């Protein structure tokens, strides 16, 4: 299944509910599911990871559809490597102690 096929499957299954919920409500569900994923990672719950990753991906696809964003097209931003430095692997310099590259 491609990213586009996944987004279409989620759209076909949930679009009407997502429209009623709206972008803000759908975003809040995405954040809640991301918290559940974080909890599974923190607790080392390997058996829950696949389910939590799939939930986050599904809510991201719902939010993208409501926002008019094609996830497959958006993913192309990373097709040639890091969108900032172009490196594979990324060669961006991270800010000391943060693990975050400067903007």
N, C-alpha and C. Protein backbone atom coordinates (compact mmCIF):
# COMPACT_ATOMS: atom_id res chain seq x y z
N UNK A 1 0.85 -1.18 0.00
CA UNK A 1 0.00 0.00 0.00
C UNK A 1 0.89 1.24 0.00
N UNK A 2 0.62 2.15 -0.91
CA UNK A 2 1.37 3.41 -0.96
C UNK A 2 0.78 4.39 0.06
N UNK A 3 1.52 5.47 0.29
CA UNK A 3 1.01 6.51 1.19
C UNK A 3 -0.31 7.07 0.64
N UNK A 4 -0.37 7.28 -0.67
CA UNK A 4 -1.59 7.79 -1.29
C UNK A 4 -2.76 6.83 -1.13
N UNK A 5 -2.51 5.55 -1.30
CA UNK A 5 -3.57 4.55 -1.12
C UNK A 5 -4.04 4.52 0.34
N UNK A 6 -3.10 4.65 1.26
CA UNK A 6 -3.46 4.68 2.67
C UNK A 6 -4.34 5.90 2.96
N UNK A 7 -3.92 7.06 2.48
CA UNK A 7 -4.71 8.27 2.72
C UNK A 7 -6.10 8.13 2.11
N UNK A 8 -6.20 7.54 0.93
CA UNK A 8 -7.50 7.34 0.30
C UNK A 8 -8.36 6.38 1.12
N UNK A 9 -7.78 5.31 1.64
CA UNK A 9 -8.54 4.35 2.46
C UNK A 9 -9.05 5.02 3.72
N UNK A 10 -8.22 5.83 4.35
CA UNK A 10 -8.65 6.55 5.57
C UNK A 10 -9.73 7.56 5.21
N UNK A 11 -9.56 8.25 4.10
CA UNK A 11 -10.56 9.23 3.65
C UNK A 11 -11.90 8.55 3.40
N UNK A 12 -11.89 7.43 2.70
CA UNK A 12 -13.13 6.71 2.40
C UNK A 12 -13.82 6.22 3.67
N UNK A 13 -13.03 5.84 4.64
CA UNK A 13 -13.57 5.28 5.89
C UNK A 13 -14.06 6.35 6.85
N UNK A 14 -13.34 7.47 6.95
CA UNK A 14 -13.59 8.42 8.04
C UNK A 14 -13.92 9.85 7.63
N UNK A 15 -13.91 10.19 6.35
CA UNK A 15 -14.03 11.60 5.96
C UNK A 15 -15.27 12.28 6.52
N UNK A 16 -16.42 11.61 6.47
CA UNK A 16 -17.65 12.26 6.95
C UNK A 16 -17.54 12.58 8.45
N UNK A 17 -17.04 11.63 9.24
CA UNK A 17 -16.85 11.88 10.67
C UNK A 17 -15.83 13.00 10.88
N UNK A 18 -14.75 12.96 10.11
CA UNK A 18 -13.71 13.97 10.24
C UNK A 18 -14.24 15.36 9.91
N UNK A 19 -15.07 15.47 8.88
CA UNK A 19 -15.65 16.77 8.53
C UNK A 19 -16.51 17.32 9.67
N UNK A 20 -17.31 16.44 10.28
CA UNK A 20 -18.15 16.88 11.40
C UNK A 20 -17.30 17.32 12.59
N UNK A 21 -16.18 16.62 12.81
CA UNK A 21 -15.28 16.92 13.93
C UNK A 21 -14.50 18.20 13.65
N UNK A 22 -14.16 18.42 12.38
CA UNK A 22 -13.40 19.60 11.98
C UNK A 22 -11.90 19.41 12.15
N UNK A 23 -11.16 20.37 11.61
CA UNK A 23 -9.70 20.31 11.67
C UNK A 23 -9.21 20.35 13.11
N UNK A 24 -9.75 21.24 13.92
CA UNK A 24 -9.28 21.36 15.30
C UNK A 24 -9.52 20.08 16.09
N UNK A 25 -10.72 19.52 15.99
CA UNK A 25 -11.03 18.29 16.71
C UNK A 25 -10.19 17.11 16.23
N UNK A 26 -9.95 17.05 14.93
CA UNK A 26 -9.14 15.97 14.37
C UNK A 26 -7.69 16.14 14.80
N UNK A 27 -7.21 17.37 14.84
CA UNK A 27 -5.86 17.62 15.32
C UNK A 27 -5.72 17.17 16.78
N UNK A 28 -6.72 17.46 17.59
CA UNK A 28 -6.65 17.05 19.00
C UNK A 28 -6.59 15.53 19.13
N UNK A 29 -7.30 14.79 18.27
CA UNK A 29 -7.20 13.32 18.28
C UNK A 29 -5.80 12.88 17.89
N UNK A 30 -5.21 13.54 16.89
CA UNK A 30 -3.84 13.22 16.50
C UNK A 30 -2.88 13.41 17.67
N UNK A 31 -3.04 14.50 18.38
CA UNK A 31 -2.18 14.77 19.54
C UNK A 31 -2.38 13.71 20.62
N UNK A 32 -3.62 13.32 20.88
CA UNK A 32 -3.90 12.28 21.87
C UNK A 32 -3.24 10.97 21.47
N UNK A 33 -3.37 10.59 20.22
CA UNK A 33 -2.76 9.34 19.76
C UNK A 33 -1.24 9.42 19.80
N UNK A 34 -0.68 10.60 19.53
CA UNK A 34 0.77 10.78 19.63
C UNK A 34 1.22 10.60 21.07
N UNK A 35 0.42 11.07 22.01
CA UNK A 35 0.72 10.85 23.43
C UNK A 35 0.70 9.38 23.78
N UNK A 36 -0.24 8.63 23.22
CA UNK A 36 -0.29 7.18 23.47
C UNK A 36 0.93 6.49 22.89
N UNK A 37 1.39 6.95 21.72
CA UNK A 37 2.60 6.40 21.13
C UNK A 37 3.81 6.72 22.01
N UNK A 38 3.88 7.94 22.50
CA UNK A 38 4.99 8.33 23.38
C UNK A 38 5.01 7.46 24.63
N UNK A 39 3.85 7.21 25.19
CA UNK A 39 3.76 6.38 26.39
C UNK A 39 4.25 4.95 26.12
N UNK A 40 3.85 4.39 24.97
CA UNK A 40 4.29 3.03 24.62
C UNK A 40 5.80 2.98 24.42
N UNK A 41 6.36 4.02 23.82
CA UNK A 41 7.82 4.07 23.63
C UNK A 41 8.52 4.18 24.97
N UNK A 42 8.06 5.10 25.82
CA UNK A 42 8.66 5.31 27.14
C UNK A 42 8.64 4.05 27.99
N UNK A 43 7.52 3.33 27.92
CA UNK A 43 7.36 2.14 28.75
C UNK A 43 7.96 0.89 28.12
N UNK A 44 8.47 1.02 26.91
CA UNK A 44 9.07 -0.12 26.23
C UNK A 44 8.05 -1.18 25.85
N UNK A 45 6.82 -0.76 25.56
CA UNK A 45 5.73 -1.68 25.21
C UNK A 45 5.80 -2.02 23.73
N UNK A 46 6.74 -2.86 23.36
CA UNK A 46 6.98 -3.21 21.97
C UNK A 46 5.72 -3.72 21.27
N UNK A 47 4.90 -4.50 21.96
CA UNK A 47 3.74 -5.09 21.30
C UNK A 47 2.68 -4.05 20.95
N UNK A 48 2.71 -2.89 21.60
CA UNK A 48 1.74 -1.82 21.31
C UNK A 48 2.23 -0.84 20.25
N UNK A 49 3.51 -0.88 19.94
CA UNK A 49 4.06 0.14 19.05
C UNK A 49 3.41 0.16 17.67
N UNK A 50 3.25 -1.00 17.06
CA UNK A 50 2.67 -1.02 15.71
C UNK A 50 1.27 -0.42 15.72
N UNK A 51 0.47 -0.77 16.70
CA UNK A 51 -0.89 -0.22 16.79
C UNK A 51 -0.85 1.29 16.98
N UNK A 52 0.01 1.77 17.88
CA UNK A 52 0.05 3.21 18.14
C UNK A 52 0.60 3.98 16.93
N UNK A 53 1.63 3.43 16.26
CA UNK A 53 2.12 4.08 15.04
C UNK A 53 1.02 4.14 13.99
N UNK A 54 0.26 3.05 13.82
CA UNK A 54 -0.80 3.06 12.81
C UNK A 54 -1.88 4.07 13.16
N UNK A 55 -2.21 4.21 14.45
CA UNK A 55 -3.21 5.20 14.85
C UNK A 55 -2.74 6.62 14.54
N UNK A 56 -1.48 6.92 14.86
CA UNK A 56 -0.94 8.25 14.58
C UNK A 56 -0.96 8.51 13.08
N UNK A 57 -0.55 7.52 12.29
CA UNK A 57 -0.52 7.67 10.84
C UNK A 57 -1.93 7.90 10.29
N UNK A 58 -2.91 7.17 10.82
CA UNK A 58 -4.30 7.33 10.36
C UNK A 58 -4.83 8.72 10.68
N UNK A 59 -4.59 9.21 11.90
CA UNK A 59 -5.06 10.55 12.26
C UNK A 59 -4.32 11.62 11.47
N UNK A 60 -3.03 11.41 11.17
CA UNK A 60 -2.29 12.35 10.33
C UNK A 60 -2.91 12.38 8.93
N UNK A 61 -3.24 11.21 8.39
CA UNK A 61 -3.88 11.14 7.07
C UNK A 61 -5.23 11.85 7.08
N UNK A 62 -6.01 11.68 8.15
CA UNK A 62 -7.30 12.36 8.25
C UNK A 62 -7.12 13.87 8.26
N UNK A 63 -6.18 14.33 9.06
CA UNK A 63 -5.93 15.76 9.17
C UNK A 63 -5.44 16.34 7.85
N UNK A 64 -4.57 15.60 7.17
CA UNK A 64 -4.08 16.05 5.87
C UNK A 64 -5.23 16.16 4.87
N UNK A 65 -6.10 15.16 4.84
CA UNK A 65 -7.24 15.21 3.92
C UNK A 65 -8.13 16.40 4.20
N UNK A 66 -8.43 16.63 5.47
CA UNK A 66 -9.27 17.79 5.82
C UNK A 66 -8.61 19.11 5.44
N UNK A 67 -7.29 19.12 5.44
CA UNK A 67 -6.54 20.34 5.15
C UNK A 67 -6.19 20.47 3.67
N UNK A 68 -6.60 19.48 2.87
CA UNK A 68 -6.33 19.54 1.44
C UNK A 68 -4.89 19.22 1.08
N UNK A 69 -4.22 18.44 1.92
CA UNK A 69 -2.82 18.08 1.68
C UNK A 69 -2.72 16.63 1.23
N UNK A 70 -2.02 16.40 0.14
CA UNK A 70 -1.76 15.06 -0.36
C UNK A 70 -0.47 14.58 0.32
N UNK A 71 -0.59 13.59 1.22
CA UNK A 71 0.57 13.12 1.97
C UNK A 71 1.66 12.54 1.08
N UNK A 72 1.26 11.86 0.02
CA UNK A 72 2.28 11.28 -0.87
C UNK A 72 3.10 12.40 -1.51
N UNK A 73 2.44 13.46 -1.93
CA UNK A 73 3.14 14.61 -2.49
C UNK A 73 4.01 15.28 -1.43
N UNK A 74 3.48 15.43 -0.22
CA UNK A 74 4.24 16.05 0.86
C UNK A 74 5.49 15.25 1.21
N UNK A 75 5.39 13.92 1.14
CA UNK A 75 6.53 13.05 1.48
C UNK A 75 7.68 13.23 0.49
N UNK A 76 7.38 13.67 -0.72
CA UNK A 76 8.42 13.86 -1.73
C UNK A 76 9.46 14.88 -1.30
N UNK A 77 9.10 15.73 -0.37
CA UNK A 77 10.04 16.72 0.17
C UNK A 77 11.29 16.04 0.72
N UNK A 78 11.15 14.79 1.17
CA UNK A 78 12.26 14.05 1.77
C UNK A 78 12.85 13.00 0.83
N UNK A 79 12.38 12.92 -0.38
CA UNK A 79 12.79 11.86 -1.31
C UNK A 79 14.28 11.89 -1.64
N UNK A 80 14.89 13.05 -1.64
CA UNK A 80 16.30 13.16 -2.00
C UNK A 80 17.20 13.40 -0.80
N UNK A 81 16.66 13.18 0.39
CA UNK A 81 17.45 13.39 1.60
C UNK A 81 16.90 14.53 2.44
N UNK A 82 17.74 15.03 3.30
CA UNK A 82 17.34 16.13 4.20
C UNK A 82 16.94 17.34 3.38
N UNK A 83 15.73 17.89 3.62
CA UNK A 83 15.30 19.05 2.84
C UNK A 83 16.11 20.32 3.16
N UNK A 84 16.85 20.33 4.28
CA UNK A 84 17.65 21.52 4.62
C UNK A 84 19.04 21.45 4.01
N UNK A 85 19.75 20.34 4.23
CA UNK A 85 21.14 20.25 3.76
C UNK A 85 21.28 19.39 2.51
N UNK A 86 20.25 18.60 2.18
CA UNK A 86 20.31 17.71 1.02
C UNK A 86 21.09 16.44 1.26
N UNK A 87 21.61 16.26 2.46
CA UNK A 87 22.45 15.11 2.75
C UNK A 87 21.69 13.83 3.04
N UNK A 88 22.34 12.70 2.68
CA UNK A 88 21.88 11.37 3.04
C UNK A 88 23.12 10.62 3.52
N UNK A 89 23.34 10.50 4.82
CA UNK A 89 22.48 10.97 5.89
C UNK A 89 22.56 12.50 6.06
N UNK A 90 21.66 13.02 6.86
CA UNK A 90 21.60 14.45 7.15
C UNK A 90 22.94 14.92 7.73
N UNK A 91 23.41 16.06 7.25
CA UNK A 91 24.65 16.66 7.74
C UNK A 91 24.42 17.97 8.46
N UNK A 92 23.17 18.28 8.80
CA UNK A 92 22.88 19.52 9.52
C UNK A 92 23.57 19.50 10.88
N UNK A 93 24.05 20.64 11.30
CA UNK A 93 24.68 20.76 12.60
C UNK A 93 23.57 20.98 13.63
N UNK A 94 23.58 20.15 14.67
CA UNK A 94 22.56 20.27 15.72
C UNK A 94 23.01 21.26 16.78
N UNK A 95 22.03 21.95 17.37
CA UNK A 95 22.34 22.83 18.48
C UNK A 95 22.80 21.98 19.66
N UNK A 96 23.87 22.33 20.29
CA UNK A 96 24.40 21.53 21.41
C UNK A 96 23.35 21.23 22.46
N UNK A 97 23.25 19.95 22.82
CA UNK A 97 22.37 19.53 23.89
C UNK A 97 20.89 19.42 23.55
N UNK A 98 20.51 19.75 22.29
CA UNK A 98 19.08 19.74 21.96
C UNK A 98 18.71 18.65 20.99
N UNK A 99 19.64 18.21 20.18
CA UNK A 99 19.31 17.25 19.13
C UNK A 99 18.51 17.89 18.02
N UNK A 100 18.45 19.22 17.99
CA UNK A 100 17.66 19.95 17.00
C UNK A 100 18.60 20.75 16.12
N UNK A 101 18.39 20.66 14.81
CA UNK A 101 19.21 21.46 13.91
C UNK A 101 18.67 22.88 13.86
N UNK A 102 19.56 23.86 13.71
CA UNK A 102 19.10 25.25 13.66
C UNK A 102 18.25 25.49 12.42
N UNK A 103 17.28 26.37 12.54
CA UNK A 103 16.40 26.70 11.40
C UNK A 103 17.06 27.65 10.47
